[in-house]
Amino acid sequence: MIKNAVEFNHEGGEVKIEVRRFARDRAPWVEVKVVDSGVGIPDLELPRIFDTFWQGGNVLTGKPRGVGLGLAIAKRVVESHGGRILVKSTVAEGTEVVLELPQELDATA
């Protein structure tokens, strides 16, 4: 999440990272929010960002980077611990990725 926020940002852009605790159904949870002021993700690409080996077009260089595994792996790990990842993005304005995890992870997952 953080690597993508830095890589797909404009020179001089911002990346904000927030961590907070909250309660869901009286259970303790942790939220990690990464917000960037980068290039954003086109609406047509948003449904595919967690697909294995899929890469969106990099509007900064015209070339995709990496192999398309980072977000797919992150989502599987988070969901295997009972959490979730949410993404909001606007082209030319930036992206917000929120990772939510139960504070007490299931050690058997």
PDB file of N, CA and C in Angstrom:
ATOM      1  N   MET A   1       0.826  -1.187   0.000  1.00  0.00           N
ATOM      2  CA  MET A   1       0.000   0.000   0.000  1.00  0.00           C
ATOM      3  C   MET A   1       0.875   1.257   0.000  1.00  0.00           C
ATOM      4  N   ILE A   2       1.841   1.287   0.878  1.00  0.00           N
ATOM      5  CA  ILE A   2       2.699   2.467   0.980  1.00  0.00           C
ATOM      6  C   ILE A   2       3.584   2.595  -0.257  1.00  0.00           C
ATOM      7  N   LYS A   3       4.144   1.479  -0.711  1.00  0.00           N
ATOM      8  CA  LYS A   3       4.998   1.506  -1.906  1.00  0.00           C
ATOM      9  C   LYS A   3       4.221   2.039  -3.111  1.00  0.00           C
ATOM     10  N   ASN A   4       3.001   1.569  -3.297  1.00  0.00           N
ATOM     11  CA  ASN A   4       2.184   2.051  -4.412  1.00  0.00           C
ATOM     12  C   ASN A   4       1.889   3.539  -4.273  1.00  0.00           C
ATOM     13  N   ALA A   5       1.600   3.984  -3.053  1.00  0.00           N
ATOM     14  CA  ALA A   5       1.296   5.401  -2.831  1.00  0.00           C
ATOM     15  C   ALA A   5       2.475   6.286  -3.201  1.00  0.00           C
ATOM     16  N   VAL A   6       3.680   5.816  -2.926  1.00  0.00           N
ATOM     17  CA  VAL A   6       4.881   6.582  -3.265  1.00  0.00           C
ATOM     18  C   VAL A   6       5.163   6.491  -4.760  1.00  0.00           C
ATOM     19  N   GLU A   7       5.115   5.284  -5.310  1.00  0.00           N
ATOM     20  CA  GLU A   7       5.446   5.072  -6.722  1.00  0.00           C
ATOM     21  C   GLU A   7       4.517   5.794  -7.680  1.00  0.00           C
ATOM     22  N   PHE A   8       3.236   5.815  -7.373  1.00  0.00           N
ATOM     23  CA  PHE A   8       2.260   6.388  -8.294  1.00  0.00           C
ATOM     24  C   PHE A   8       1.834   7.789  -7.883  1.00  0.00           C
ATOM     25  N   ASN A   9       2.770   8.511  -7.298  1.00  0.00           N
ATOM     26  CA  ASN A   9       2.511   9.882  -6.880  1.00  0.00           C
ATOM     27  C   ASN A   9       3.272  10.836  -7.785  1.00  0.00           C
ATOM     28  N   HIS A  10       2.891  12.087  -7.732  1.00  0.00           N
ATOM     29  CA  HIS A  10       3.588  13.130  -8.477  1.00  0.00           C
ATOM     30  C   HIS A  10       4.806  13.572  -7.674  1.00  0.00           C
ATOM     31  N   GLU A  11       5.800  14.102  -8.360  1.00  0.00           N
ATOM     32  CA  GLU A  11       6.934  14.683  -7.642  1.00  0.00           C
ATOM     33  C   GLU A  11       6.401  15.799  -6.745  1.00  0.00           C
ATOM     34  N   GLY A  12       6.787  15.775  -5.486  1.00  0.00           N
ATOM     35  CA  GLY A  12       6.300  16.771  -4.535  1.00  0.00           C
ATOM     36  C   GLY A  12       4.943  16.424  -3.951  1.00  0.00           C
ATOM     37  N   GLY A  13       4.376  15.276  -4.362  1.00  0.00           N
ATOM     38  CA  GLY A  13       3.074  14.856  -3.838  1.00  0.00           C
ATOM     39  C   GLY A  13       3.165  14.396  -2.393  1.00  0.00           C
ATOM     40  N   GLU A  14       2.025  14.156  -1.801  1.00  0.00           N
ATOM     41  CA  GLU A  14       1.963  13.749  -0.398  1.00  0.00           C
ATOM     42  C   GLU A  14       1.493  12.318  -0.251  1.00  0.00           C
ATOM     43  N   VAL A  15       2.008  11.642   0.772  1.00  0.00           N
ATOM     44  CA  VAL A  15       1.506  10.352   1.211  1.00  0.00           C
ATOM     45  C   VAL A  15       1.258  10.479   2.702  1.00  0.00           C
ATOM     46  N   LYS A  16       0.027  10.241   3.118  1.00  0.00           N
ATOM     47  CA  LYS A  16      -0.323  10.306   4.536  1.00  0.00           C
ATOM     48  C   LYS A  16      -0.654   8.902   5.021  1.00  0.00           C
ATOM     49  N   ILE A  17      -0.154   8.571   6.194  1.00  0.00           N
ATOM     50  CA  ILE A  17      -0.423   7.273   6.800  1.00  0.00           C
ATOM     51  C   ILE A  17      -1.045   7.524   8.166  1.00  0.00           C
ATOM     52  N   GLU A  18      -2.211   6.945   8.381  1.00  0.00           N
ATOM     53  CA  GLU A  18      -2.900   7.086   9.660  1.00  0.00           C
ATOM     54  C   GLU A  18      -3.161   5.696  10.223  1.00  0.00           C
ATOM     55  N   VAL A  19      -2.975   5.552  11.508  1.00  0.00           N
ATOM     56  CA  VAL A  19      -3.277   4.298  12.189  1.00  0.00           C
ATOM     57  C   VAL A  19      -4.183   4.640  13.357  1.00  0.00           C
ATOM     58  N   ARG A  20      -5.272   3.894  13.494  1.00  0.00           N
ATOM     59  CA  ARG A  20      -6.170   4.140  14.623  1.00  0.00           C
ATOM     60  C   ARG A  20      -6.801   2.839  15.080  1.00  0.00           C
ATOM     61  N   ARG A  21      -7.200   2.847  16.337  1.00  0.00           N
ATOM     62  CA  ARG A  21      -7.939   1.722  16.904  1.00  0.00           C
ATOM     63  C   ARG A  21      -9.408   2.101  16.918  1.00  0.00           C
ATOM     64  N   PHE A  22     -10.271   1.114  16.731  1.00  0.00           N
ATOM     65  CA  PHE A  22     -11.708   1.348  16.808  1.00  0.00           C
ATOM     66  C   PHE A  22     -12.388   0.058  17.223  1.00  0.00           C
ATOM     67  N   ALA A  23     -13.660   0.153  17.544  1.00  0.00           N
ATOM     68  CA  ALA A  23     -14.417  -1.032  17.957  1.00  0.00           C
ATOM     69  C   ALA A  23     -15.435  -1.390  16.885  1.00  0.00           C
ATOM     70  N   ARG A  24     -15.542  -2.668  16.618  1.00  0.00           N
ATOM     71  CA  ARG A  24     -16.569  -3.187  15.722  1.00  0.00           C
ATOM     72  C   ARG A  24     -17.223  -4.342  16.472  1.00  0.00           C
ATOM     73  N   ASP A  25     -18.516  -4.218  16.694  1.00  0.00           N
ATOM     74  CA  ASP A  25     -19.232  -5.236  17.468  1.00  0.00           C
ATOM     75  C   ASP A  25     -18.543  -5.504  18.806  1.00  0.00           C
ATOM     76  N   ARG A  26     -18.096  -4.442  19.441  1.00  0.00           N
ATOM     77  CA  ARG A  26     -17.432  -4.476  20.763  1.00  0.00           C
ATOM     78  C   ARG A  26     -16.059  -5.133  20.754  1.00  0.00           C
ATOM     79  N   ALA A  27     -15.573  -5.501  19.588  1.00  0.00           N
ATOM     80  CA  ALA A  27     -14.241  -6.105  19.487  1.00  0.00           C
ATOM     81  C   ALA A  27     -13.249  -5.030  19.022  1.00  0.00           C
ATOM     82  N   PRO A  28     -11.993  -5.101  19.511  1.00  0.00           N
ATOM     83  CA  PRO A  28     -10.995  -4.105  19.097  1.00  0.00           C
ATOM     84  C   PRO A  28     -10.450  -4.389  17.692  1.00  0.00           C
ATOM     85  N   TRP A  29     -10.386  -3.355  16.895  1.00  0.00           N
ATOM     86  CA  TRP A  29      -9.853  -3.432  15.530  1.00  0.00           C
ATOM     87  C   TRP A  29      -8.793  -2.358  15.340  1.00  0.00           C
ATOM     88  N   VAL A  30      -7.973  -2.531  14.299  1.00  0.00           N
ATOM     89  CA  VAL A  30      -6.967  -1.552  13.918  1.00  0.00           C
ATOM     90  C   VAL A  30      -7.194  -1.186  12.457  1.00  0.00           C
ATOM     91  N   GLU A  31      -7.097   0.101  12.180  1.00  0.00           N
ATOM     92  CA  GLU A  31      -7.230   0.602  10.804  1.00  0.00           C
ATOM     93  C   GLU A  31      -5.926   1.280  10.399  1.00  0.00           C
ATOM     94  N   VAL A  32      -5.439   0.941   9.221  1.00  0.00           N
ATOM     95  CA  VAL A  32      -4.293   1.625   8.626  1.00  0.00           C
ATOM     96  C   VAL A  32      -4.799   2.251   7.333  1.00  0.00           C
ATOM     97  N   LYS A  33      -4.667   3.570   7.251  1.00  0.00           N
ATOM     98  CA  LYS A  33      -5.143   4.300   6.070  1.00  0.00           C
ATOM     99  C   LYS A  33      -3.945   4.953   5.387  1.00  0.00           C
ATOM    100  N   VAL A  34      -3.820   4.715   4.081  1.00  0.00           N
ATOM    101  CA  VAL A  34      -2.765   5.327   3.278  1.00  0.00           C
ATOM    102  C   VAL A  34      -3.451   6.168   2.211  1.00  0.00           C
ATOM    103  N   VAL A  35      -3.160   7.463   2.236  1.00  0.00           N
ATOM    104  CA  VAL A  35      -3.782   8.401   1.297  1.00  0.00           C
ATOM    105  C   VAL A  35      -2.669   9.105   0.526  1.00  0.00           C
ATOM    106  N   ASP A  36      -2.787   9.104  -0.804  1.00  0.00           N
ATOM    107  CA  ASP A  36      -1.795   9.813  -1.604  1.00  0.00           C
ATOM    108  C   ASP A  36      -2.469  10.851  -2.488  1.00  0.00           C
ATOM    109  N   SER A  37      -1.662  11.769  -2.984  1.00  0.00           N
ATOM    110  CA  SER A  37      -2.152  12.820  -3.884  1.00  0.00           C
ATOM    111  C   SER A  37      -1.691  12.533  -5.312  1.00  0.00           C
ATOM    112  N   GLY A  38      -1.571  11.261  -5.626  1.00  0.00           N
ATOM    113  CA  GLY A  38      -0.993  10.833  -6.900  1.00  0.00           C
ATOM    114  C   GLY A  38      -1.938  10.812  -8.070  1.00  0.00           C
ATOM    115  N   VAL A  39      -1.623   9.931  -9.000  1.00  0.00           N
ATOM    116  CA  VAL A  39      -2.286   9.884 -10.293  1.00  0.00           C
ATOM    117  C   VAL A  39      -3.685   9.292 -10.233  1.00  0.00           C
ATOM    118  N   GLY A  40      -3.975   8.537  -9.184  1.00  0.00           N
ATOM    119  CA  GLY A  40      -5.289   7.910  -9.062  1.00  0.00           C
ATOM    120  C   GLY A  40      -5.422   6.686  -9.948  1.00  0.00           C
ATOM    121  N   ILE A  41      -6.528   5.984  -9.761  1.00  0.00           N
ATOM    122  CA  ILE A  41      -6.810   4.757 -10.506  1.00  0.00           C
ATOM    123  C   ILE A  41      -8.101   4.970 -11.296  1.00  0.00           C
ATOM    124  N   PRO A  42      -8.086   4.751 -12.596  1.00  0.00           N
ATOM    125  CA  PRO A  42      -9.303   4.913 -13.388  1.00  0.00           C
ATOM    126  C   PRO A  42     -10.419   3.977 -12.901  1.00  0.00           C
ATOM    127  N   ASP A  43     -11.653   4.439 -12.968  1.00  0.00           N
ATOM    128  CA  ASP A  43     -12.810   3.652 -12.510  1.00  0.00           C
ATOM    129  C   ASP A  43     -12.855   2.260 -13.134  1.00  0.00           C
ATOM    130  N   LEU A  44     -12.495   2.157 -14.406  1.00  0.00           N
ATOM    131  CA  LEU A  44     -12.537   0.854 -15.087  1.00  0.00           C
ATOM    132  C   LEU A  44     -11.507  -0.131 -14.544  1.00  0.00           C
ATOM    133  N   GLU A  45     -10.430   0.379 -13.941  1.00  0.00           N
ATOM    134  CA  GLU A  45      -9.388  -0.495 -13.406  1.00  0.00           C
ATOM    135  C   GLU A  45      -9.632  -0.891 -11.953  1.00  0.00           C
ATOM    136  N   LEU A  46     -10.396  -0.114 -11.214  1.00  0.00           N
ATOM    137  CA  LEU A  46     -10.605  -0.384  -9.786  1.00  0.00           C
ATOM    138  C   LEU A  46     -11.065  -1.807  -9.476  1.00  0.00           C
ATOM    139  N   PRO A  47     -12.019  -2.378 -10.230  1.00  0.00           N
ATOM    140  CA  PRO A  47     -12.453  -3.740  -9.902  1.00  0.00           C
ATOM    141  C   PRO A  47     -11.365  -4.799 -10.061  1.00  0.00           C
ATOM    142  N   ARG A  48     -10.269  -4.484 -10.744  1.00  0.00           N
ATOM    143  CA  ARG A  48      -9.239  -5.487 -11.033  1.00  0.00           C
ATOM    144  C   ARG A  48      -7.977  -5.335 -10.194  1.00  0.00           C
ATOM    145  N   ILE A  49      -7.875  -4.325  -9.369  1.00  0.00           N
ATOM    146  CA  ILE A  49      -6.597  -4.035  -8.703  1.00  0.00           C
ATOM    147  C   ILE A  49      -6.122  -5.145  -7.773  1.00  0.00           C
ATOM    148  N   PHE A  50      -7.018  -6.020  -7.324  1.00  0.00           N
ATOM    149  CA  PHE A  50      -6.616  -7.120  -6.451  1.00  0.00           C
ATOM    150  C   PHE A  50      -6.456  -8.440  -7.210  1.00  0.00           C
ATOM    151  N   ASP A  51      -6.602  -8.420  -8.536  1.00  0.00           N
ATOM    152  CA  ASP A  51      -6.432  -9.629  -9.341  1.00  0.00           C
ATOM    153  C   ASP A  51      -4.951 -10.003  -9.409  1.00  0.00           C
ATOM    154  N   THR A  52      -4.676 -11.291  -9.278  1.00  0.00           N
ATOM    155  CA  THR A  52      -3.307 -11.788  -9.355  1.00  0.00           C
ATOM    156  C   THR A  52      -2.728 -11.560 -10.747  1.00  0.00           C
ATOM    157  N   PHE A  53      -1.523 -11.037 -10.796  1.00  0.00           N
ATOM    158  CA  PHE A  53      -0.752 -10.756 -12.014  1.00  0.00           C
ATOM    159  C   PHE A  53      -1.357  -9.677 -12.901  1.00  0.00           C
ATOM    160  N   TRP A  54      -2.338  -8.952 -12.409  1.00  0.00           N
ATOM    161  CA  TRP A  54      -2.909  -7.868 -13.213  1.00  0.00           C
ATOM    162  C   TRP A  54      -2.218  -6.565 -12.854  1.00  0.00           C
ATOM    163  N   GLN A  55      -1.938  -5.759 -13.855  1.00  0.00           N
ATOM    164  CA  GLN A  55      -1.325  -4.451 -13.646  1.00  0.00           C
ATOM    165  C   GLN A  55      -2.107  -3.406 -14.405  1.00  0.00           C
ATOM    166  N   GLY A  56      -2.358  -2.314 -13.746  1.00  0.00           N
ATOM    167  CA  GLY A  56      -2.986  -1.188 -14.427  1.00  0.00           C
ATOM    168  C   GLY A  56      -1.931  -0.446 -15.232  1.00  0.00           C
ATOM    169  N   GLY A  57      -2.382   0.379 -16.128  1.00  0.00           N
ATOM    170  CA  GLY A  57      -1.439   1.194 -16.878  1.00  0.00           C
ATOM    171  C   GLY A  57      -0.867   2.265 -15.979  1.00  0.00           C
ATOM    172  N   ASN A  58       0.421   2.492 -16.058  1.00  0.00           N
ATOM    173  CA  ASN A  58       1.056   3.539 -15.264  1.00  0.00           C
ATOM    174  C   ASN A  58       0.998   4.826 -16.065  1.00  0.00           C
ATOM    175  N   VAL A  59       0.143   5.738 -15.656  1.00  0.00           N
ATOM    176  CA  VAL A  59      -0.037   6.974 -16.418  1.00  0.00           C
ATOM    177  C   VAL A  59       1.149   7.920 -16.287  1.00  0.00           C
ATOM    178  N   LEU A  60       2.068   7.618 -15.376  1.00  0.00           N
ATOM    179  CA  LEU A  60       3.257   8.471 -15.268  1.00  0.00           C
ATOM    180  C   LEU A  60       4.285   8.131 -16.336  1.00  0.00           C
ATOM    181  N   THR A  61       4.504   6.848 -16.596  1.00  0.00           N
ATOM    182  CA  THR A  61       5.561   6.449 -17.517  1.00  0.00           C
ATOM    183  C   THR A  61       5.037   5.674 -18.710  1.00  0.00           C
ATOM    184  N   GLY A  62       3.777   5.265 -18.659  1.00  0.00           N
ATOM    185  CA  GLY A  62       3.230   4.445 -19.727  1.00  0.00           C
ATOM    186  C   GLY A  62       3.598   2.981 -19.584  1.00  0.00           C
ATOM    187  N   LYS A  63       4.369   2.632 -18.549  1.00  0.00           N
ATOM    188  CA  LYS A  63       4.797   1.253 -18.343  1.00  0.00           C
ATOM    189  C   LYS A  63       4.352   0.781 -16.963  1.00  0.00           C
ATOM    190  N   PRO A  64       3.760  -0.399 -16.870  1.00  0.00           N
ATOM    191  CA  PRO A  64       3.449  -0.937 -15.543  1.00  0.00           C
ATOM    192  C   PRO A  64       4.726  -1.351 -14.834  1.00  0.00           C
ATOM    193  N   ARG A  65       4.685  -1.350 -13.505  1.00  0.00           N
ATOM    194  CA  ARG A  65       5.828  -1.769 -12.693  1.00  0.00           C
ATOM    195  C   ARG A  65       5.439  -3.003 -11.910  1.00  0.00           C
ATOM    196  N   GLY A  66       6.432  -3.782 -11.527  1.00  0.00           N
ATOM    197  CA  GLY A  66       6.170  -4.961 -10.716  1.00  0.00           C
ATOM    198  C   GLY A  66       5.547  -6.080 -11.525  1.00  0.00           C
ATOM    199  N   VAL A  67       5.049  -7.090 -10.799  1.00  0.00           N
ATOM    200  CA  VAL A  67       4.458  -8.244 -11.473  1.00  0.00           C
ATOM    201  C   VAL A  67       2.972  -8.396 -11.179  1.00  0.00           C
ATOM    202  N   GLY A  68       2.398  -7.479 -10.422  1.00  0.00           N
ATOM    203  CA  GLY A  68       0.970  -7.552 -10.157  1.00  0.00           C
ATOM    204  C   GLY A  68       0.594  -8.493  -9.027  1.00  0.00           C
ATOM    205  N   LEU A  69       1.453  -8.636  -8.038  1.00  0.00           N
ATOM    206  CA  LEU A  69       1.157  -9.523  -6.921  1.00  0.00           C
ATOM    207  C   LEU A  69       0.918  -8.796  -5.596  1.00  0.00           C
ATOM    208  N   GLY A  70       1.461  -7.619  -5.413  1.00  0.00           N
ATOM    209  CA  GLY A  70       1.433  -6.938  -4.125  1.00  0.00           C
ATOM    210  C   GLY A  70       0.053  -6.793  -3.511  1.00  0.00           C
ATOM    211  N   LEU A  71      -0.866  -6.181  -4.221  1.00  0.00           N
ATOM    212  CA  LEU A  71      -2.210  -5.972  -3.668  1.00  0.00           C
ATOM    213  C   LEU A  71      -2.989  -7.275  -3.564  1.00  0.00           C
ATOM    214  N   ALA A  72      -2.764  -8.204  -4.484  1.00  0.00           N
ATOM    215  CA  ALA A  72      -3.442  -9.503  -4.418  1.00  0.00           C
ATOM    216  C   ALA A  72      -3.028 -10.257  -3.155  1.00  0.00           C
ATOM    217  N   ILE A  73      -1.725 -10.254  -2.865  1.00  0.00           N
ATOM    218  CA  ILE A  73      -1.232 -10.923  -1.660  1.00  0.00           C
ATOM    219  C   ILE A  73      -1.734 -10.209  -0.412  1.00  0.00           C
ATOM    220  N   ALA A  74      -1.658  -8.887  -0.409  1.00  0.00           N
ATOM    221  CA  ALA A  74      -2.120  -8.122   0.756  1.00  0.00           C
ATOM    222  C   ALA A  74      -3.576  -8.434   1.073  1.00  0.00           C
ATOM    223  N   LYS A  75      -4.414  -8.459   0.046  1.00  0.00           N
ATOM    224  CA  LYS A  75      -5.837  -8.732   0.273  1.00  0.00           C
ATOM    225  C   LYS A  75      -6.041 -10.128   0.856  1.00  0.00           C
ATOM    226  N   ARG A  76      -5.343 -11.112   0.323  1.00  0.00           N
ATOM    227  CA  ARG A  76      -5.505 -12.489   0.827  1.00  0.00           C
ATOM    228  C   ARG A  76      -5.045 -12.618   2.272  1.00  0.00           C
ATOM    229  N   VAL A  77      -3.937 -11.987   2.611  1.00  0.00           N
ATOM    230  CA  VAL A  77      -3.438 -12.052   3.988  1.00  0.00           C
ATOM    231  C   VAL A  77      -4.421 -11.371   4.938  1.00  0.00           C
ATOM    232  N   VAL A  78      -4.860 -10.182   4.570  1.00  0.00           N
ATOM    233  CA  VAL A  78      -5.797  -9.437   5.423  1.00  0.00           C
ATOM    234  C   VAL A  78      -7.094 -10.218   5.600  1.00  0.00           C
ATOM    235  N   GLU A  79      -7.655 -10.736   4.519  1.00  0.00           N
ATOM    236  CA  GLU A  79      -8.914 -11.471   4.617  1.00  0.00           C
ATOM    237  C   GLU A  79      -8.758 -12.783   5.372  1.00  0.00           C
ATOM    238  N   SER A  80      -7.583 -13.415   5.293  1.00  0.00           N
ATOM    239  CA  SER A  80      -7.375 -14.660   6.032  1.00  0.00           C
ATOM    240  C   SER A  80      -7.362 -14.419   7.541  1.00  0.00           C
ATOM    241  N   HIS A  81      -7.147 -13.173   7.943  1.00  0.00           N
ATOM    242  CA  HIS A  81      -7.184 -12.807   9.360  1.00  0.00           C
ATOM    243  C   HIS A  81      -8.500 -12.129   9.739  1.00  0.00           C
ATOM    244  N   GLY A  82      -9.479 -12.199   8.861  1.00  0.00           N
ATOM    245  CA  GLY A  82     -10.790 -11.638   9.162  1.00  0.00           C
ATOM    246  C   GLY A  82     -10.927 -10.153   8.893  1.00  0.00           C
ATOM    247  N   GLY A  83      -9.981  -9.573   8.178  1.00  0.00           N
ATOM    248  CA  GLY A  83     -10.025  -8.138   7.888  1.00  0.00           C
ATOM    249  C   GLY A  83     -10.502  -7.848   6.481  1.00  0.00           C
ATOM    250  N   ARG A  84     -10.308  -6.598   6.074  1.00  0.00           N
ATOM    251  CA  ARG A  84     -10.699  -6.193   4.722  1.00  0.00           C
ATOM    252  C   ARG A  84      -9.862  -5.013   4.262  1.00  0.00           C
ATOM    253  N   ILE A  85      -9.810  -4.826   2.948  1.00  0.00           N
ATOM    254  CA  ILE A  85      -9.144  -3.674   2.334  1.00  0.00           C
ATOM    255  C   ILE A  85     -10.176  -2.938   1.492  1.00  0.00           C
ATOM    256  N   LEU A  86     -10.226  -1.641   1.663  1.00  0.00           N
ATOM    257  CA  LEU A  86     -11.147  -0.783   0.904  1.00  0.00           C
ATOM    258  C   LEU A  86     -10.318   0.226   0.112  1.00  0.00           C
ATOM    259  N   VAL A  87     -10.748   0.530  -1.110  1.00  0.00           N
ATOM    260  CA  VAL A  87     -10.014   1.473  -1.955  1.00  0.00           C
ATOM    261  C   VAL A  87     -10.986   2.482  -2.558  1.00  0.00           C
ATOM    262  N   LYS A  88     -10.589   3.754  -2.467  1.00  0.00           N
ATOM    263  CA  LYS A  88     -11.298   4.842  -3.156  1.00  0.00           C
ATOM    264  C   LYS A  88     -10.241   5.588  -3.962  1.00  0.00           C
ATOM    265  N   SER A  89     -10.574   5.977  -5.177  1.00  0.00           N
ATOM    266  CA  SER A  89      -9.592   6.668  -5.994  1.00  0.00           C
ATOM    267  C   SER A  89     -10.259   7.582  -7.006  1.00  0.00           C
ATOM    268  N   THR A  90      -9.584   8.675  -7.283  1.00  0.00           N
ATOM    269  CA  THR A  90     -10.028   9.618  -8.306  1.00  0.00           C
ATOM    270  C   THR A  90      -8.826   9.958  -9.173  1.00  0.00           C
ATOM    271  N   VAL A  91      -8.967   9.770 -10.472  1.00  0.00           N
ATOM    272  CA  VAL A  91      -7.874  10.062 -11.399  1.00  0.00           C
ATOM    273  C   VAL A  91      -7.444  11.512 -11.227  1.00  0.00           C
ATOM    274  N   ALA A  92      -6.131  11.722 -11.201  1.00  0.00           N
ATOM    275  CA  ALA A  92      -5.485  13.026 -11.071  1.00  0.00           C
ATOM    276  C   ALA A  92      -5.644  13.652  -9.687  1.00  0.00           C
ATOM    277  N   GLU A  93      -6.279  12.948  -8.748  1.00  0.00           N
ATOM    278  CA  GLU A  93      -6.426  13.492  -7.394  1.00  0.00           C
ATOM    279  C   GLU A  93      -5.792  12.605  -6.335  1.00  0.00           C
ATOM    280  N   GLY A  94      -5.784  11.290  -6.561  1.00  0.00           N
ATOM    281  CA  GLY A  94      -5.144  10.416  -5.597  1.00  0.00           C
ATOM    282  C   GLY A  94      -5.983   9.223  -5.208  1.00  0.00           C
ATOM    283  N   THR A  95      -5.421   8.450  -4.278  1.00  0.00           N
ATOM    284  CA  THR A  95      -6.017   7.188  -3.868  1.00  0.00           C
ATOM    285  C   THR A  95      -5.981   7.064  -2.351  1.00  0.00           C
ATOM    286  N   GLU A  96      -7.023   6.447  -1.804  1.00  0.00           N
ATOM    287  CA  GLU A  96      -7.090   6.135  -0.380  1.00  0.00           C
ATOM    288  C   GLU A  96      -7.286   4.634  -0.238  1.00  0.00           C
ATOM    289  N   VAL A  97      -6.378   3.994   0.487  1.00  0.00           N
ATOM    290  CA  VAL A  97      -6.476   2.566   0.754  1.00  0.00           C
ATOM    291  C   VAL A  97      -6.597   2.389   2.260  1.00  0.00           C
ATOM    292  N   VAL A  98      -7.632   1.662   2.678  1.00  0.00           N
ATOM    293  CA  VAL A  98      -7.859   1.429   4.099  1.00  0.00           C
ATOM    294  C   VAL A  98      -7.798  -0.067   4.363  1.00  0.00           C
ATOM    295  N   LEU A  99      -6.936  -0.435   5.300  1.00  0.00           N
ATOM    296  CA  LEU A  99      -6.793  -1.818   5.721  1.00  0.00           C
ATOM    297  C   LEU A  99      -7.366  -1.908   7.133  1.00  0.00           C
ATOM    298  N   GLU A 100      -8.300  -2.815   7.351  1.00  0.00           N
ATOM    299  CA  GLU A 100      -8.900  -3.011   8.675  1.00  0.00           C
ATOM    300  C   GLU A 100      -8.630  -4.443   9.124  1.00  0.00           C
ATOM    301  N   LEU A 101      -8.132  -4.586  10.352  1.00  0.00           N
ATOM    302  CA  LEU A 101      -7.843  -5.909  10.913  1.00  0.00           C
ATOM    303  C   LEU A 101      -8.358  -6.000  12.338  1.00  0.00           C
ATOM    304  N   PRO A 102      -8.881  -7.167  12.722  1.00  0.00           N
ATOM    305  CA  PRO A 102      -9.203  -7.346  14.130  1.00  0.00           C
ATOM    306  C   PRO A 102      -7.908  -7.250  14.927  1.00  0.00           C
ATOM    307  N   GLN A 103      -7.962  -6.592  16.078  1.00  0.00           N
ATOM    308  CA  GLN A 103      -6.749  -6.394  16.860  1.00  0.00           C
ATOM    309  C   GLN A 103      -6.209  -7.719  17.385  1.00  0.00           C
ATOM    310  N   GLU A 104      -7.090  -8.620  17.702  1.00  0.00           N
ATOM    311  CA  GLU A 104      -6.674  -9.934  18.179  1.00  0.00           C
ATOM    312  C   GLU A 104      -6.818 -10.909  17.026  1.00  0.00           C
ATOM    313  N   LEU A 105      -5.710 -11.132  16.321  1.00  0.00           N
ATOM    314  CA  LEU A 105      -5.741 -11.989  15.148  1.00  0.00           C
ATOM    315  C   LEU A 105      -5.877 -13.449  15.549  1.00  0.00           C
ATOM    316  N   ASP A 106      -6.522 -14.209  14.680  1.00  0.00           N
ATOM    317  CA  ASP A 106      -6.673 -15.644  14.862  1.00  0.00           C
ATOM    318  C   ASP A 106      -5.336 -16.308  14.540  1.00  0.00           C
ATOM    319  N   ALA A 107      -4.686 -16.887  15.538  1.00  0.00           N
ATOM    320  CA  ALA A 107      -3.367 -17.487  15.362  1.00  0.00           C
ATOM    321  C   ALA A 107      -3.402 -18.721  14.477  1.00  0.00           C
ATOM    322  N   THR A 108      -4.591 -19.280  14.219  1.00  0.00           N
ATOM    323  CA  THR A 108      -4.673 -20.470  13.383  1.00  0.00           C
ATOM    324  C   THR A 108      -4.797 -20.145  11.909  1.00  0.00           C
ATOM    325  N   ALA A 109      -4.990 -18.871  11.560  1.00  0.00           N
ATOM    326  CA  ALA A 109      -5.184 -18.479  10.153  1.00  0.00           C
ATOM    327  C   ALA A 109      -3.896 -18.529   9.386  1.00  0.00           C
TER     328      ALA A 109
END
